[in-house]
Amino acid sequence: MLKWAQKLGMIVLLFALWEGLSRSGVWNKHLFPGPLEVVRTLVAMARDGQLGGATLRSLGRLTHAYVMSVGIGVPLGLCIARLAFFRNAVKPVVMGLQALPSICWLPLALLWFGLNDSAILFVVVMGSVLGIAIATEDAVNGLDPQLSRVASTLGVRGLRFYFGVLLPGALPGIVTGLKLGWSFAWRALLAGELLFVSGGLGQLLTMGRELMDVSQVMAVMLAIILIGITVDRVLFQTVETRLRRRWGLTASV
């Protein structure tokens, strides 16, 4: 109860500060609406189906690109951790590309794929796959060396070792990497949707800017935050907590 009270108190404090700044007159009310007005706009957009349609479009793109990122990133991370060629030759390239902001891929994506979903999917994949690969490598390298030695002594090799020992042992760290990869993908998706007509949440932000409707812009931003928190709490935190308890990394409650 204390944890929930602290969280609720922080939310109330933030909304109170927001309302206070809106009423202070530092900015014009039109340029800095209060939380009640923004919530009303959010509810209105939800009622007319505009917000729901844009959310489904964005989440559909995100799911498609994220599955591709996981399918590429996890095997790539395993190869970097276990194979000398990938560790010596491929890892420096991965680390260098990881330093490049995902939005920098958009001009190339537009030239290669045109103004369509493929361009956005490419940007999202490039924004998340490298982070997933690096996190997977760290998770594998963080395993207790005795685990590999015991498996070798018992004759566990090849695919049995990878799927029966290596991946299960590294799974908590891999899941943490998948969570970070999702956050990278979510940011890259919205950045890509901002730049051309896409039918997603990014387009709603652009429409609000073009119409000088700050309330709509803030309402969509609030929706993006709520979606991000929901996915993190409902999906990733639940899976991560259960894995850590099963692996004995946290105490069961």
C-alpha atoms as a PDB file:
ATOM      1  CA  MET A   1       0.000   0.000   0.000  1.00  0.00           C
ATOM      2  CA  LEU A   2       2.873   2.366   0.763  1.00  0.00           C
ATOM      3  CA  LYS A   3       4.395   1.802  -2.702  1.00  0.00           C
ATOM      4  CA  TRP A   4       1.052   2.499  -4.399  1.00  0.00           C
ATOM      5  CA  ALA A   5       0.527   5.595  -2.246  1.00  0.00           C
ATOM      6  CA  GLN A   6       3.949   6.915  -3.224  1.00  0.00           C
ATOM      7  CA  LYS A   7       3.265   6.348  -6.921  1.00  0.00           C
ATOM      8  CA  LEU A   8      -0.171   7.962  -6.707  1.00  0.00           C
ATOM      9  CA  GLY A   9       1.251  10.878  -4.750  1.00  0.00           C
ATOM     10  CA  MET A  10       3.923  11.503  -7.391  1.00  0.00           C
ATOM     11  CA  ILE A  11       1.305  11.461 -10.177  1.00  0.00           C
ATOM     12  CA  VAL A  12      -0.895  13.905  -8.267  1.00  0.00           C
ATOM     13  CA  LEU A  13       2.112  16.164  -7.648  1.00  0.00           C
ATOM     14  CA  LEU A  14       3.070  16.170 -11.337  1.00  0.00           C
ATOM     15  CA  PHE A  15      -0.485  16.992 -12.424  1.00  0.00           C
ATOM     16  CA  ALA A  16      -0.685  19.742  -9.783  1.00  0.00           C
ATOM     17  CA  LEU A  17       2.571  21.283 -11.055  1.00  0.00           C
ATOM     18  CA  TRP A  18       1.267  21.017 -14.605  1.00  0.00           C
ATOM     19  CA  GLU A  19      -1.989  22.754 -13.659  1.00  0.00           C
ATOM     20  CA  GLY A  20      -0.079  25.402 -11.724  1.00  0.00           C
ATOM     21  CA  LEU A  21       2.176  26.199 -14.687  1.00  0.00           C
ATOM     22  CA  SER A  22      -0.837  26.357 -16.972  1.00  0.00           C
ATOM     23  CA  ARG A  23      -2.571  28.870 -14.666  1.00  0.00           C
ATOM     24  CA  SER A  24       0.570  30.911 -13.955  1.00  0.00           C
ATOM     25  CA  GLY A  25       0.379  32.841 -17.208  1.00  0.00           C
ATOM     26  CA  VAL A  26       4.003  32.173 -18.158  1.00  0.00           C
ATOM     27  CA  TRP A  27       2.682  30.699 -21.392  1.00  0.00           C
ATOM     28  CA  ASN A  28      -0.524  31.415 -23.235  1.00  0.00           C
ATOM     29  CA  LYS A  29      -3.326  28.992 -22.275  1.00  0.00           C
ATOM     30  CA  HIS A  30      -3.604  28.000 -25.924  1.00  0.00           C
ATOM     31  CA  LEU A  31       0.076  26.998 -25.980  1.00  0.00           C
ATOM     32  CA  PHE A  32       0.132  25.317 -22.576  1.00  0.00           C
ATOM     33  CA  PRO A  33      -3.290  23.824 -21.726  1.00  0.00           C
ATOM     34  CA  GLY A  34      -3.927  22.310 -18.323  1.00  0.00           C
ATOM     35  CA  PRO A  35      -4.223  18.580 -17.621  1.00  0.00           C
ATOM     36  CA  LEU A  36      -8.031  18.597 -17.469  1.00  0.00           C
ATOM     37  CA  GLU A  37      -8.310  20.044 -20.965  1.00  0.00           C
ATOM     38  CA  VAL A  38      -5.763  17.563 -22.299  1.00  0.00           C
ATOM     39  CA  VAL A  39      -7.606  14.635 -20.690  1.00  0.00           C
ATOM     40  CA  ARG A  40     -10.894  15.870 -22.198  1.00  0.00           C
ATOM     41  CA  THR A  41      -9.242  15.968 -25.618  1.00  0.00           C
ATOM     42  CA  LEU A  42      -7.860  12.462 -25.071  1.00  0.00           C
ATOM     43  CA  VAL A  43     -11.312  11.132 -24.134  1.00  0.00           C
ATOM     44  CA  ALA A  44     -12.892  12.834 -27.160  1.00  0.00           C
ATOM     45  CA  MET A  45     -10.305  11.304 -29.503  1.00  0.00           C
ATOM     46  CA  ALA A  46     -10.916   7.893 -27.940  1.00  0.00           C
ATOM     47  CA  ARG A  47     -14.692   8.202 -28.323  1.00  0.00           C
ATOM     48  CA  ASP A  48     -14.617   9.096 -32.020  1.00  0.00           C
ATOM     49  CA  GLY A  49     -12.272   6.192 -32.763  1.00  0.00           C
ATOM     50  CA  GLN A  50      -9.450   8.374 -33.972  1.00  0.00           C
ATOM     51  CA  LEU A  51      -7.082   7.425 -31.173  1.00  0.00           C
ATOM     52  CA  GLY A  52      -7.937   3.721 -31.249  1.00  0.00           C
ATOM     53  CA  GLY A  53      -7.377   3.418 -34.994  1.00  0.00           C
ATOM     54  CA  ALA A  54      -4.041   5.220 -34.831  1.00  0.00           C
ATOM     55  CA  THR A  55      -2.923   3.113 -31.865  1.00  0.00           C
ATOM     56  CA  LEU A  56      -3.752  -0.160 -33.610  1.00  0.00           C
ATOM     57  CA  ARG A  57      -1.923   0.975 -36.743  1.00  0.00           C
ATOM     58  CA  SER A  58       1.191   1.916 -34.773  1.00  0.00           C
ATOM     59  CA  LEU A  59       1.163  -1.233 -32.629  1.00  0.00           C
ATOM     60  CA  GLY A  60       0.710  -3.383 -35.732  1.00  0.00           C
ATOM     61  CA  ARG A  61       3.820  -1.869 -37.306  1.00  0.00           C
ATOM     62  CA  LEU A  62       5.700  -2.163 -34.029  1.00  0.00           C
ATOM     63  CA  THR A  63       4.834  -5.837 -33.563  1.00  0.00           C
ATOM     64  CA  HIS A  64       5.902  -6.698 -37.110  1.00  0.00           C
ATOM     65  CA  ALA A  65       9.235  -4.883 -36.828  1.00  0.00           C
ATOM     66  CA  TYR A  66       9.913  -6.045 -33.273  1.00  0.00           C
ATOM     67  CA  VAL A  67       9.441  -9.728 -34.140  1.00  0.00           C
ATOM     68  CA  MET A  68      11.925  -9.267 -36.977  1.00  0.00           C
ATOM     69  CA  SER A  69      14.364  -7.551 -34.592  1.00  0.00           C
ATOM     70  CA  VAL A  70      14.155 -10.385 -32.054  1.00  0.00           C
ATOM     71  CA  GLY A  71      14.552 -12.996 -34.795  1.00  0.00           C
ATOM     72  CA  ILE A  72      17.751 -11.311 -35.997  1.00  0.00           C
ATOM     73  CA  GLY A  73      19.127  -9.804 -32.776  1.00  0.00           C
ATOM     74  CA  VAL A  74      19.094 -12.844 -30.475  1.00  0.00           C
ATOM     75  CA  PRO A  75      20.933 -15.205 -32.907  1.00  0.00           C
ATOM     76  CA  LEU A  76      23.364 -12.398 -33.764  1.00  0.00           C
ATOM     77  CA  GLY A  77      24.120 -11.832 -30.080  1.00  0.00           C
ATOM     78  CA  LEU A  78      24.662 -15.567 -29.551  1.00  0.00           C
ATOM     79  CA  CYS A  79      27.076 -15.684 -32.485  1.00  0.00           C
ATOM     80  CA  ILE A  80      29.022 -12.685 -31.180  1.00  0.00           C
ATOM     81  CA  ALA A  81      29.299 -14.279 -27.744  1.00  0.00           C
ATOM     82  CA  ARG A  82      30.271 -17.772 -28.910  1.00  0.00           C
ATOM     83  CA  LEU A  83      32.067 -17.468 -32.267  1.00  0.00           C
ATOM     84  CA  ALA A  84      35.491 -15.828 -32.607  1.00  0.00           C
ATOM     85  CA  PHE A  85      34.851 -14.462 -36.111  1.00  0.00           C
ATOM     86  CA  PHE A  86      31.702 -12.617 -35.051  1.00  0.00           C
ATOM     87  CA  ARG A  87      33.362 -11.407 -31.859  1.00  0.00           C
ATOM     88  CA  ASN A  88      36.422 -10.029 -33.680  1.00  0.00           C
ATOM     89  CA  ALA A  89      34.925  -8.833 -36.972  1.00  0.00           C
ATOM     90  CA  VAL A  90      31.194  -8.283 -36.527  1.00  0.00           C
ATOM     91  CA  LYS A  91      31.023  -6.882 -32.996  1.00  0.00           C
ATOM     92  CA  PRO A  92      32.936  -3.631 -33.801  1.00  0.00           C
ATOM     93  CA  VAL A  93      30.508  -2.986 -36.671  1.00  0.00           C
ATOM     94  CA  VAL A  94      27.509  -3.616 -34.407  1.00  0.00           C
ATOM     95  CA  MET A  95      28.885  -1.317 -31.715  1.00  0.00           C
ATOM     96  CA  GLY A  96      29.584   1.407 -34.273  1.00  0.00           C
ATOM     97  CA  LEU A  97      26.108   1.222 -35.812  1.00  0.00           C
ATOM     98  CA  GLN A  98      24.512   1.182 -32.349  1.00  0.00           C
ATOM     99  CA  ALA A  99      25.933   4.669 -31.752  1.00  0.00           C
ATOM    100  CA  LEU A 100      23.972   5.946 -34.779  1.00  0.00           C
ATOM    101  CA  PRO A 101      20.513   7.310 -33.822  1.00  0.00           C
ATOM    102  CA  SER A 102      17.765   5.281 -35.482  1.00  0.00           C
ATOM    103  CA  ILE A 103      16.214   8.355 -37.107  1.00  0.00           C
ATOM    104  CA  CYS A 104      19.396   8.737 -39.176  1.00  0.00           C
ATOM    105  CA  TRP A 105      18.334   5.648 -41.115  1.00  0.00           C
ATOM    106  CA  LEU A 106      15.131   7.310 -42.311  1.00  0.00           C
ATOM    107  CA  PRO A 107      16.583   9.214 -45.331  1.00  0.00           C
ATOM    108  CA  LEU A 108      18.087   5.965 -46.646  1.00  0.00           C
ATOM    109  CA  ALA A 109      14.871   4.086 -45.914  1.00  0.00           C
ATOM    110  CA  LEU A 110      12.829   6.623 -47.882  1.00  0.00           C
ATOM    111  CA  LEU A 111      15.223   6.416 -50.844  1.00  0.00           C
ATOM    112  CA  TRP A 112      15.287   2.616 -50.787  1.00  0.00           C
ATOM    113  CA  PHE A 113      11.637   1.818 -50.019  1.00  0.00           C
ATOM    114  CA  GLY A 114       9.699   5.033 -50.726  1.00  0.00           C
ATOM    115  CA  LEU A 115       6.923   6.587 -48.641  1.00  0.00           C
ATOM    116  CA  ASN A 116       5.377   3.411 -47.265  1.00  0.00           C
ATOM    117  CA  ASP A 117       5.329   1.123 -44.259  1.00  0.00           C
ATOM    118  CA  SER A 118       8.494  -0.672 -45.356  1.00  0.00           C
ATOM    119  CA  ALA A 119      10.524   2.480 -44.700  1.00  0.00           C
ATOM    120  CA  ILE A 120       9.173   2.766 -41.151  1.00  0.00           C
ATOM    121  CA  LEU A 121       9.703  -0.949 -40.492  1.00  0.00           C
ATOM    122  CA  PHE A 122      13.308  -0.683 -41.638  1.00  0.00           C
ATOM    123  CA  VAL A 123      13.960   2.243 -39.287  1.00  0.00           C
ATOM    124  CA  VAL A 124      12.345   0.413 -36.362  1.00  0.00           C
ATOM    125  CA  VAL A 125      14.352  -2.763 -36.982  1.00  0.00           C
ATOM    126  CA  MET A 126      17.608  -0.824 -37.208  1.00  0.00           C
ATOM    127  CA  GLY A 127      16.682   1.017 -34.030  1.00  0.00           C
ATOM    128  CA  SER A 128      16.186  -2.120 -31.948  1.00  0.00           C
ATOM    129  CA  VAL A 129      18.001  -5.107 -33.444  1.00  0.00           C
ATOM    130  CA  LEU A 130      21.492  -3.938 -32.494  1.00  0.00           C
ATOM    131  CA  GLY A 131      20.523  -3.240 -28.877  1.00  0.00           C
ATOM    132  CA  ILE A 132      18.958  -6.706 -28.603  1.00  0.00           C
ATOM    133  CA  ALA A 133      22.101  -8.304 -30.043  1.00  0.00           C
ATOM    134  CA  ILE A 134      24.384  -6.489 -27.597  1.00  0.00           C
ATOM    135  CA  ALA A 135      22.149  -7.349 -24.623  1.00  0.00           C
ATOM    136  CA  THR A 136      22.049 -11.002 -25.685  1.00  0.00           C
ATOM    137  CA  GLU A 137      25.832 -11.116 -25.930  1.00  0.00           C
ATOM    138  CA  ASP A 138      26.170  -9.585 -22.453  1.00  0.00           C
ATOM    139  CA  ALA A 139      23.662 -12.079 -21.026  1.00  0.00           C
ATOM    140  CA  VAL A 140      25.545 -15.060 -22.498  1.00  0.00           C
ATOM    141  CA  ASN A 141      28.949 -13.745 -21.408  1.00  0.00           C
ATOM    142  CA  GLY A 142      27.561 -13.183 -17.911  1.00  0.00           C
ATOM    143  CA  LEU A 143      26.822 -16.872 -17.372  1.00  0.00           C
ATOM    144  CA  ASP A 144      28.772 -18.738 -14.709  1.00  0.00           C
ATOM    145  CA  PRO A 145      31.700 -20.494 -16.492  1.00  0.00           C
ATOM    146  CA  GLN A 146      31.143 -23.533 -14.300  1.00  0.00           C
ATOM    147  CA  LEU A 147      27.838 -24.091 -16.086  1.00  0.00           C
ATOM    148  CA  SER A 148      29.646 -24.641 -19.389  1.00  0.00           C
ATOM    149  CA  ARG A 149      32.267 -26.856 -17.766  1.00  0.00           C
ATOM    150  CA  VAL A 150      29.652 -29.057 -16.087  1.00  0.00           C
ATOM    151  CA  ALA A 151      27.717 -29.349 -19.360  1.00  0.00           C
ATOM    152  CA  SER A 152      30.907 -30.339 -21.189  1.00  0.00           C
ATOM    153  CA  THR A 153      31.742 -32.925 -18.531  1.00  0.00           C
ATOM    154  CA  LEU A 154      28.275 -34.450 -18.887  1.00  0.00           C
ATOM    155  CA  GLY A 155      28.660 -34.580 -22.664  1.00  0.00           C
ATOM    156  CA  VAL A 156      26.079 -31.893 -23.429  1.00  0.00           C
ATOM    157  CA  ARG A 157      27.199 -30.316 -26.702  1.00  0.00           C
ATOM    158  CA  GLY A 158      25.869 -28.803 -29.898  1.00  0.00           C
ATOM    159  CA  LEU A 159      22.211 -27.868 -30.092  1.00  0.00           C
ATOM    160  CA  ARG A 160      21.495 -29.595 -26.773  1.00  0.00           C
ATOM    161  CA  PHE A 161      23.950 -27.235 -25.096  1.00  0.00           C
ATOM    162  CA  TYR A 162      22.550 -24.121 -26.766  1.00  0.00           C
ATOM    163  CA  PHE A 163      18.867 -24.884 -26.200  1.00  0.00           C
ATOM    164  CA  GLY A 164      19.177 -26.814 -22.944  1.00  0.00           C
ATOM    165  CA  VAL A 165      21.880 -24.889 -21.084  1.00  0.00           C
ATOM    166  CA  LEU A 166      23.025 -21.644 -22.716  1.00  0.00           C
ATOM    167  CA  LEU A 167      19.714 -20.025 -23.675  1.00  0.00           C
ATOM    168  CA  PRO A 168      17.824 -20.986 -20.470  1.00  0.00           C
ATOM    169  CA  GLY A 169      20.711 -19.748 -18.317  1.00  0.00           C
ATOM    170  CA  ALA A 170      20.957 -16.438 -20.184  1.00  0.00           C
ATOM    171  CA  LEU A 171      17.192 -15.978 -20.488  1.00  0.00           C
ATOM    172  CA  PRO A 172      16.725 -13.407 -17.654  1.00  0.00           C
ATOM    173  CA  GLY A 173      19.370 -11.162 -19.205  1.00  0.00           C
ATOM    174  CA  ILE A 174      17.970 -11.699 -22.699  1.00  0.00           C
ATOM    175  CA  VAL A 175      14.486 -10.690 -21.533  1.00  0.00           C
ATOM    176  CA  THR A 176      15.933  -7.480 -20.074  1.00  0.00           C
ATOM    177  CA  GLY A 177      17.543  -6.841 -23.452  1.00  0.00           C
ATOM    178  CA  LEU A 178      14.243  -7.497 -25.218  1.00  0.00           C
ATOM    179  CA  LYS A 179      12.585  -4.904 -22.989  1.00  0.00           C
ATOM    180  CA  LEU A 180      15.222  -2.326 -23.906  1.00  0.00           C
ATOM    181  CA  GLY A 181      14.897  -3.285 -27.563  1.00  0.00           C
ATOM    182  CA  TRP A 182      11.147  -2.703 -27.381  1.00  0.00           C
ATOM    183  CA  SER A 183      11.660   0.792 -25.966  1.00  0.00           C
ATOM    184  CA  PHE A 184      14.149   1.574 -28.763  1.00  0.00           C
ATOM    185  CA  ALA A 185      11.683   0.237 -31.339  1.00  0.00           C
ATOM    186  CA  TRP A 186       8.801   2.293 -29.889  1.00  0.00           C
ATOM    187  CA  ARG A 187      10.827   5.508 -30.113  1.00  0.00           C
ATOM    188  CA  ALA A 188      12.054   4.757 -33.624  1.00  0.00           C
ATOM    189  CA  LEU A 189       8.508   3.984 -34.783  1.00  0.00           C
ATOM    190  CA  LEU A 190       7.085   7.280 -33.574  1.00  0.00           C
ATOM    191  CA  ALA A 191      10.020   9.227 -35.003  1.00  0.00           C
ATOM    192  CA  GLY A 192       9.415   7.612 -38.388  1.00  0.00           C
ATOM    193  CA  GLU A 193       5.652   8.191 -38.280  1.00  0.00           C
ATOM    194  CA  LEU A 194       6.167  11.894 -37.605  1.00  0.00           C
ATOM    195  CA  LEU A 195       7.761  12.540 -40.964  1.00  0.00           C
ATOM    196  CA  PHE A 196       5.070  11.442 -43.425  1.00  0.00           C
ATOM    197  CA  VAL A 197       1.427  10.391 -43.591  1.00  0.00           C
ATOM    198  CA  SER A 198       1.332   7.058 -41.817  1.00  0.00           C
ATOM    199  CA  GLY A 199      -2.055   6.759 -40.133  1.00  0.00           C
ATOM    200  CA  GLY A 200      -0.473   6.119 -36.734  1.00  0.00           C
ATOM    201  CA  LEU A 201       0.086   8.049 -33.528  1.00  0.00           C
ATOM    202  CA  GLY A 202       2.925   9.988 -35.130  1.00  0.00           C
ATOM    203  CA  GLN A 203       0.504  11.354 -37.729  1.00  0.00           C
ATOM    204  CA  LEU A 204      -1.864  12.508 -34.967  1.00  0.00           C
ATOM    205  CA  LEU A 205       1.026  14.457 -33.447  1.00  0.00           C
ATOM    206  CA  THR A 206       1.798  16.020 -36.825  1.00  0.00           C
ATOM    207  CA  MET A 207      -1.879  16.917 -37.372  1.00  0.00           C
ATOM    208  CA  GLY A 208      -2.003  18.593 -33.969  1.00  0.00           C
ATOM    209  CA  ARG A 209       1.089  20.634 -34.810  1.00  0.00           C
ATOM    210  CA  GLU A 210      -0.248  21.673 -38.221  1.00  0.00           C
ATOM    211  CA  LEU A 211      -3.601  22.687 -36.696  1.00  0.00           C
ATOM    212  CA  MET A 212      -1.870  24.494 -33.810  1.00  0.00           C
ATOM    213  CA  ASP A 213      -3.863  22.246 -31.466  1.00  0.00           C
ATOM    214  CA  VAL A 214      -1.487  21.903 -28.509  1.00  0.00           C
ATOM    215  CA  SER A 215      -4.123  20.058 -26.524  1.00  0.00           C
ATOM    216  CA  GLN A 216      -4.213  17.293 -29.153  1.00  0.00           C
ATOM    217  CA  VAL A 217      -0.421  17.095 -29.240  1.00  0.00           C
ATOM    218  CA  MET A 218      -0.256  16.713 -25.456  1.00  0.00           C
ATOM    219  CA  ALA A 219      -3.132  14.220 -25.457  1.00  0.00           C
ATOM    220  CA  VAL A 220      -1.354  11.982 -27.970  1.00  0.00           C
ATOM    221  CA  MET A 221       1.891  12.295 -25.987  1.00  0.00           C
ATOM    222  CA  LEU A 222      -0.003  11.226 -22.866  1.00  0.00           C
ATOM    223  CA  ALA A 223      -1.463   8.254 -24.759  1.00  0.00           C
ATOM    224  CA  ILE A 224       2.026   7.237 -25.918  1.00  0.00           C
ATOM    225  CA  ILE A 225       3.291   7.343 -22.331  1.00  0.00           C
ATOM    226  CA  LEU A 226       0.337   5.268 -21.089  1.00  0.00           C
ATOM    227  CA  ILE A 227       0.827   2.652 -23.817  1.00  0.00           C
ATOM    228  CA  GLY A 228       4.531   2.408 -23.025  1.00  0.00           C
ATOM    229  CA  ILE A 229       3.917   1.976 -19.292  1.00  0.00           C
ATOM    230  CA  THR A 230       1.176  -0.596 -19.898  1.00  0.00           C
ATOM    231  CA  VAL A 231       3.305  -2.780 -22.180  1.00  0.00           C
ATOM    232  CA  ASP A 232       6.253  -2.575 -19.793  1.00  0.00           C
ATOM    233  CA  ARG A 233       4.220  -3.428 -16.685  1.00  0.00           C
ATOM    234  CA  VAL A 234       1.817  -6.001 -18.126  1.00  0.00           C
ATOM    235  CA  LEU A 235       4.171  -7.848 -20.443  1.00  0.00           C
ATOM    236  CA  PHE A 236       7.869  -7.355 -19.785  1.00  0.00           C
ATOM    237  CA  GLN A 237       7.871  -6.799 -16.031  1.00  0.00           C
ATOM    238  CA  THR A 238       5.594  -9.798 -15.477  1.00  0.00           C
ATOM    239  CA  VAL A 239       7.784 -12.100 -17.573  1.00  0.00           C
ATOM    240  CA  GLU A 240      10.987 -10.709 -16.067  1.00  0.00           C
ATOM    241  CA  THR A 241       9.749 -11.124 -12.484  1.00  0.00           C
ATOM    242  CA  ARG A 242       8.603 -14.699 -13.041  1.00  0.00           C
ATOM    243  CA  LEU A 243      11.870 -15.644 -14.709  1.00  0.00           C
ATOM    244  CA  ARG A 244      13.944 -14.144 -11.919  1.00  0.00           C
ATOM    245  CA  ARG A 245      11.908 -15.967  -9.302  1.00  0.00           C
ATOM    246  CA  ARG A 246      12.182 -19.254 -11.171  1.00  0.00           C
ATOM    247  CA  TRP A 247      15.919 -18.845 -11.568  1.00  0.00           C
ATOM    248  CA  GLY A 248      16.254 -17.909  -7.873  1.00  0.00           C
ATOM    249  CA  LEU A 249      17.465 -14.371  -8.565  1.00  0.00           C
ATOM    250  CA  THR A 250      14.715 -12.793  -6.423  1.00  0.00           C
ATOM    251  CA  ALA A 251      12.739 -14.068  -3.476  1.00  0.00           C
ATOM    252  CA  SER A 252       9.270 -15.467  -4.096  1.00  0.00           C
ATOM    253  CA  VAL A 253       6.387 -13.553  -2.567  1.00  0.00           C
END
